[in-house]
Amino acid sequence: MIRNLDLDLLRSFAAVAELGSISAAGQRVGRTQSAVSLQMDRLAEALGFALLERKGRGVVLTARGASFLDDARRLLDLNDRILGQHVHGGYAQPLRLGFLQDLGEIAMQRILARLGALFPQAPITVRVCSTITMLDKLHSGDIDLAVGFRMDTDLPTTIIAREPMQWIAARHLRLASEEPVPLLLFEAPCVFRAAAISSLTAAGRGFRVAFTSPSLPGLMAAVGAGLGVTVRSPRALRPDLAIVNDQSMPQLPDVEFALYGRAEAALPALKQAEEVIFEEVRRERTLYAAA
């Protein structure tokens, strides 16, 4: 007997995973929290395995649920692509995007692969630059969507993820508590640079700026070479790097990734692009949803 998956169930399931909340997922898909919960039960029954399990007051994806999420996204993308190409007409206007270097090459690759499949006729332009530069380009109309660090702005802003800043260094580097911390930093202005300096100053820990670079690859090359310590999000970790486990190093604040847009750029295709970007940036996080 041939069975067909209900795309409405898949869309609600993807929303639960992406937004981290059954109630928030309900707001996105236009259903009540109880209706989305019932949808999750129906989907699990159709598949024959549990997608979610209770954990405290919330729910988490099961191992099979997390594996199924990628396939669900592919089905939804294919559905949206078919509608865009054959029902609503192909979208051929340029997709003009801005990304922060800290987003990571893998996340950007996934985003571009999905957008290329959704809008095969649309030329894609990407600017990789600082958050301040992206906000300027949004104001001037040079780009339509951007992922950067959260900053005060009058532009439409959606917080995608909050991640802890970490002291990061080469695995072989050892810090001497009696010597100033050798800092490897971006050029100012930079949220990580400001956090590193203010945290060490407040803790009374000596430091010196040992290396400065305007580029993330240059900065991370210096970190890998063992020239000192930097501050980034956990996305910057590589096999040859580690979080510094030193009690003399002060605690750092969190950093927030935000999706910025333009109020006058409200095309349906850009809304789809927003959802793809939101999903892929959050894939780095633990999939946890409050019930």
Protein backbone atom coordinates (compact mmCIF):
# COMPACT_ATOMS: atom_id res chain seq x y z
CA MET A 1 0.00 0.00 0.00
CA ILE A 2 1.42 3.38 -1.05
CA ARG A 3 1.38 6.00 1.68
CA ASN A 4 1.90 9.74 1.29
CA LEU A 5 3.34 12.07 3.87
CA ASP A 6 1.27 15.12 4.80
CA LEU A 7 3.36 18.21 4.03
CA ASP A 8 1.43 20.24 6.59
CA LEU A 9 2.68 17.85 9.27
CA LEU A 10 6.23 18.13 7.96
CA ARG A 11 6.07 21.93 7.95
CA SER A 12 4.88 22.00 11.55
CA PHE A 13 7.57 19.48 12.53
CA ALA A 14 10.29 21.58 10.87
CA ALA A 15 8.95 24.70 12.61
CA VAL A 16 9.13 23.00 16.03
CA ALA A 17 12.76 22.06 15.41
CA GLU A 18 13.73 25.42 13.90
CA LEU A 19 11.99 27.78 16.34
CA GLY A 20 12.65 25.73 19.45
CA SER A 21 9.07 25.94 20.71
CA ILE A 22 5.79 24.17 19.94
CA SER A 23 3.84 27.34 20.71
CA ALA A 24 6.11 29.46 18.49
CA ALA A 25 5.80 26.83 15.75
CA GLY A 26 2.04 27.12 16.05
CA GLN A 27 2.25 30.88 15.52
CA ARG A 28 4.32 30.37 12.38
CA VAL A 29 2.00 27.78 10.80
CA GLY A 30 -1.20 29.42 12.06
CA ARG A 31 -2.26 26.69 14.51
CA THR A 32 -2.73 26.42 18.26
CA GLN A 33 -0.15 24.72 20.46
CA SER A 34 -2.48 21.75 21.05
CA ALA A 35 -3.10 21.42 17.29
CA VAL A 36 0.64 21.27 16.61
CA SER A 37 1.06 18.66 19.35
CA LEU A 38 -1.63 16.56 17.70
CA GLN A 39 0.12 16.98 14.36
CA MET A 40 3.33 15.65 15.89
CA ASP A 41 1.44 12.60 17.16
CA ARG A 42 -0.07 12.00 13.72
CA LEU A 43 3.30 12.30 12.00
CA ALA A 44 4.93 9.88 14.45
CA GLU A 45 2.08 7.41 13.84
CA ALA A 46 2.47 7.73 10.05
CA LEU A 47 6.24 7.15 10.24
CA GLY A 48 6.14 4.40 12.81
CA PHE A 49 8.69 5.93 15.18
CA ALA A 50 8.82 8.66 17.80
CA LEU A 51 10.04 12.07 16.66
CA LEU A 52 10.02 13.82 20.05
CA GLU A 53 10.42 12.85 23.66
CA ARG A 54 9.75 14.70 26.88
CA LYS A 55 12.66 16.17 28.81
CA GLY A 56 11.68 18.08 31.90
CA ARG A 57 9.13 20.70 30.90
CA GLY A 58 10.14 20.54 27.26
CA VAL A 59 10.74 18.14 24.40
CA VAL A 60 13.79 17.10 22.44
CA LEU A 61 14.16 15.39 19.09
CA THR A 62 14.85 11.70 19.25
CA ALA A 63 17.84 10.40 17.29
CA ARG A 64 15.54 9.23 14.49
CA GLY A 65 13.61 12.50 14.65
CA ALA A 66 16.81 14.50 14.16
CA SER A 67 17.78 12.28 11.24
CA PHE A 68 14.33 12.63 9.67
CA LEU A 69 14.47 16.45 9.92
CA ASP A 70 16.90 16.76 6.98
CA ASP A 71 14.63 14.67 4.75
CA ALA A 72 11.59 16.67 5.85
CA ARG A 73 13.36 19.88 4.88
CA ARG A 74 14.26 18.47 1.48
CA LEU A 75 10.62 17.54 0.80
CA LEU A 76 9.43 21.00 1.85
CA ASP A 77 12.08 22.70 -0.28
CA LEU A 78 11.05 20.62 -3.28
CA ASN A 79 7.40 21.49 -2.71
CA ASP A 80 8.18 25.21 -2.48
CA ARG A 81 10.42 25.05 -5.53
CA ILE A 82 7.72 23.36 -7.63
CA LEU A 83 5.15 25.94 -6.58
CA GLY A 84 7.57 28.76 -7.30
CA GLN A 85 8.55 27.46 -10.72
CA HIS A 86 5.28 26.07 -12.07
CA VAL A 87 2.50 27.80 -10.16
CA HIS A 88 3.71 31.23 -9.08
CA GLY A 89 6.28 31.66 -11.86
CA GLY A 90 10.05 31.41 -11.53
CA TYR A 91 11.77 34.00 -9.35
CA ALA A 92 14.62 35.48 -11.38
CA GLN A 93 15.47 38.65 -9.47
CA PRO A 94 18.88 38.75 -7.75
CA LEU A 95 19.11 37.44 -4.20
CA ARG A 96 21.46 39.91 -2.50
CA LEU A 97 22.74 38.56 0.79
CA GLY A 98 25.24 39.52 3.47
CA PHE A 99 27.01 37.08 5.79
CA LEU A 100 29.34 37.44 8.72
CA GLN A 101 32.61 35.50 8.48
CA ASP A 102 31.86 33.92 11.85
CA LEU A 103 28.81 32.18 10.42
CA GLY A 104 31.16 29.56 9.02
CA GLU A 105 31.81 28.12 5.57
CA ILE A 106 29.73 24.97 6.13
CA ALA A 107 26.62 26.90 7.19
CA MET A 108 26.99 29.28 4.24
CA GLN A 109 27.44 26.33 1.89
CA ARG A 110 24.21 24.73 3.12
CA ILE A 111 22.31 28.01 2.80
CA LEU A 112 23.51 28.65 -0.75
CA ALA A 113 22.82 25.07 -1.83
CA ARG A 114 19.21 25.30 -0.66
CA LEU A 115 18.66 28.77 -2.14
CA GLY A 116 20.17 27.66 -5.44
CA ALA A 117 17.72 24.74 -5.55
CA LEU A 118 14.75 26.91 -4.59
CA PHE A 119 15.54 29.71 -7.04
CA PRO A 120 17.57 28.23 -9.92
CA GLN A 121 16.92 31.25 -12.15
CA ALA A 122 17.91 33.86 -9.57
CA PRO A 123 21.49 35.18 -9.59
CA ILE A 124 22.87 35.19 -6.03
CA THR A 125 25.17 37.93 -4.77
CA VAL A 126 26.90 37.48 -1.41
CA ARG A 127 28.87 40.04 0.60
CA VAL A 128 30.99 38.65 3.44
CA CYS A 129 31.80 41.57 5.72
CA SER A 130 31.34 43.07 9.19
CA THR A 131 27.93 43.63 10.73
CA ILE A 132 28.32 47.42 10.55
CA THR A 133 29.12 47.22 6.84
CA MET A 134 26.12 44.96 6.23
CA LEU A 135 23.78 47.36 8.03
CA ASP A 136 25.08 50.21 5.87
CA LYS A 137 24.48 48.16 2.72
CA LEU A 138 20.95 47.30 3.87
CA HIS A 139 20.18 50.97 4.46
CA SER A 140 21.52 51.88 1.03
CA GLY A 141 19.57 49.07 -0.66
CA ASP A 142 22.68 47.19 -1.86
CA ILE A 143 21.60 43.96 -0.13
CA ASP A 144 18.24 42.61 1.03
CA LEU A 145 19.06 40.13 3.82
CA ALA A 146 22.04 39.82 6.15
CA VAL A 147 23.24 37.65 9.04
CA GLY A 148 25.39 39.45 11.57
CA PHE A 149 25.86 40.06 15.26
CA ARG A 150 23.00 41.76 17.06
CA MET A 151 23.31 45.54 17.04
CA ASP A 152 20.93 48.44 17.67
CA THR A 153 19.30 49.40 14.38
CA ASP A 154 15.99 50.55 12.93
CA LEU A 155 16.04 47.68 10.43
CA PRO A 156 13.75 44.63 10.84
CA THR A 157 15.69 42.27 13.10
CA THR A 158 15.17 38.64 14.13
CA ILE A 159 17.41 37.00 16.72
CA ILE A 160 18.49 33.63 15.34
CA ALA A 161 20.77 32.24 18.04
CA ARG A 162 22.57 33.13 21.25
CA GLU A 163 25.93 31.46 21.82
CA PRO A 164 28.58 31.79 24.54
CA MET A 165 31.79 33.60 23.72
CA GLN A 166 34.81 31.43 24.45
CA TRP A 167 38.53 31.89 24.99
CA ILE A 168 40.06 29.82 22.19
CA ALA A 169 43.70 28.86 21.56
CA ALA A 170 45.86 26.18 19.97
CA ARG A 171 45.73 22.91 21.91
CA HIS A 172 49.45 23.06 22.67
CA LEU A 173 49.41 26.63 24.04
CA ARG A 174 49.97 27.01 27.79
CA LEU A 175 49.38 30.33 29.52
CA ALA A 176 51.64 31.54 32.32
CA SER A 177 49.49 33.09 35.05
CA GLU A 178 52.18 35.66 35.91
CA GLU A 179 52.46 36.93 32.32
CA PRO A 180 50.05 39.13 30.32
CA VAL A 181 47.61 37.21 28.16
CA PRO A 182 48.67 37.46 24.48
CA LEU A 183 45.48 38.47 22.68
CA LEU A 184 44.77 37.78 19.01
CA LEU A 185 41.99 40.12 17.89
CA PHE A 186 40.02 41.58 15.03
CA GLU A 187 40.48 45.23 14.27
CA ALA A 188 38.07 47.56 16.11
CA PRO A 189 35.12 47.82 16.16
CA CYS A 190 34.50 44.17 17.06
CA VAL A 191 32.20 42.69 19.72
CA PHE A 192 34.71 39.94 20.54
CA ARG A 193 37.59 42.40 20.85
CA ALA A 194 35.56 44.63 23.18
CA ALA A 195 34.46 41.65 25.30
CA ALA A 196 37.99 40.28 25.63
CA ILE A 197 39.51 43.58 26.71
CA SER A 198 36.69 44.62 29.04
CA SER A 199 36.52 41.17 30.71
CA LEU A 200 40.27 41.01 31.36
CA THR A 201 40.36 44.61 32.57
CA ALA A 202 37.44 44.05 34.97
CA ALA A 203 39.15 40.90 36.33
CA GLY A 204 42.47 42.69 36.79
CA ARG A 205 44.22 40.22 34.48
CA GLY A 206 47.09 41.65 32.46
CA PHE A 207 47.07 41.35 28.69
CA ARG A 208 48.81 42.54 25.55
CA VAL A 209 47.53 42.70 21.98
CA ALA A 210 49.89 40.31 20.22
CA PHE A 211 48.16 40.15 16.83
CA THR A 212 45.49 42.10 14.93
CA SER A 213 43.82 41.21 11.64
CA PRO A 214 40.82 42.42 9.62
CA SER A 215 40.16 38.88 8.34
CA LEU A 216 38.92 35.79 10.16
CA PRO A 217 41.19 33.37 8.23
CA GLY A 218 44.19 35.50 9.16
CA LEU A 219 43.12 35.64 12.80
CA MET A 220 42.50 31.89 13.03
CA ALA A 221 45.85 31.16 11.33
CA ALA A 222 47.55 33.07 14.15
CA VAL A 223 45.52 31.13 16.73
CA GLY A 224 46.50 27.81 15.12
CA ALA A 225 50.13 28.91 15.11
CA GLY A 226 49.99 29.28 18.89
CA LEU A 227 50.64 33.03 18.98
CA GLY A 228 48.06 33.60 21.69
CA VAL A 229 44.40 33.52 22.69
CA THR A 230 41.36 34.84 20.86
CA VAL A 231 37.66 35.19 21.66
CA ARG A 232 35.08 33.73 19.27
CA SER A 233 31.91 31.65 19.37
CA PRO A 234 32.19 27.82 19.48
CA ARG A 235 31.68 27.84 15.68
CA ALA A 236 35.34 28.82 15.35
CA LEU A 237 36.65 25.61 16.93
CA ARG A 238 38.73 23.26 14.79
CA PRO A 239 40.42 19.95 15.69
CA ASP A 240 43.70 21.75 16.39
CA LEU A 241 42.06 24.33 18.68
CA ALA A 242 40.48 24.13 22.12
CA ILE A 243 38.55 26.21 24.62
CA VAL A 244 40.99 27.60 27.18
CA ASN A 245 40.42 25.89 30.54
CA ASP A 246 42.19 28.31 32.84
CA GLN A 247 40.63 29.56 36.07
CA SER A 248 42.51 32.85 35.76
CA MET A 249 40.61 33.71 32.56
CA PRO A 250 37.39 35.66 33.25
CA GLN A 251 33.94 34.63 32.09
CA LEU A 252 32.73 36.14 28.83
CA PRO A 253 29.25 37.29 27.76
CA ASP A 254 27.07 35.66 25.12
CA VAL A 255 26.96 36.78 21.51
CA GLU A 256 23.75 36.90 19.48
CA PHE A 257 23.40 36.20 15.76
CA ALA A 258 20.66 38.23 14.08
CA LEU A 259 18.92 38.21 10.71
CA TYR A 260 18.45 41.71 9.29
CA GLY A 261 16.17 42.73 6.44
CA ARG A 262 14.64 45.79 4.82
CA ALA A 263 11.01 46.77 5.45
CA GLU A 264 10.56 47.72 1.79
CA ALA A 265 11.94 44.36 0.59
CA ALA A 266 9.02 42.06 1.41
CA LEU A 267 8.95 39.75 -1.61
CA PRO A 268 7.71 36.17 -0.96
CA ALA A 269 11.02 34.79 -2.22
CA LEU A 270 12.91 36.80 0.39
CA LYS A 271 10.61 35.40 3.08
CA GLN A 272 11.53 31.90 1.92
CA ALA A 273 15.20 32.87 1.95
CA GLU A 274 14.80 34.15 5.52
CA GLU A 275 13.39 30.80 6.63
CA VAL A 276 16.23 28.87 4.98
CA ILE A 277 18.87 31.10 6.60
CA PHE A 278 17.15 30.88 9.99
CA GLU A 279 17.00 27.08 9.83
CA GLU A 280 20.59 26.56 8.74
CA VAL A 281 22.17 28.95 11.26
CA ARG A 282 20.27 27.24 14.08
CA ARG A 283 21.33 23.76 12.93
CA GLU A 284 24.55 24.25 14.91
CA ARG A 285 22.56 24.37 18.15
CA THR A 286 21.04 21.61 20.25
CA LEU A 287 17.52 20.98 18.98
CA TYR A 288 15.48 21.79 22.06
CA ALA A 289 11.90 23.00 22.17
CA ALA A 290 9.84 24.16 25.12
CA ALA A 291 6.43 22.51 25.09
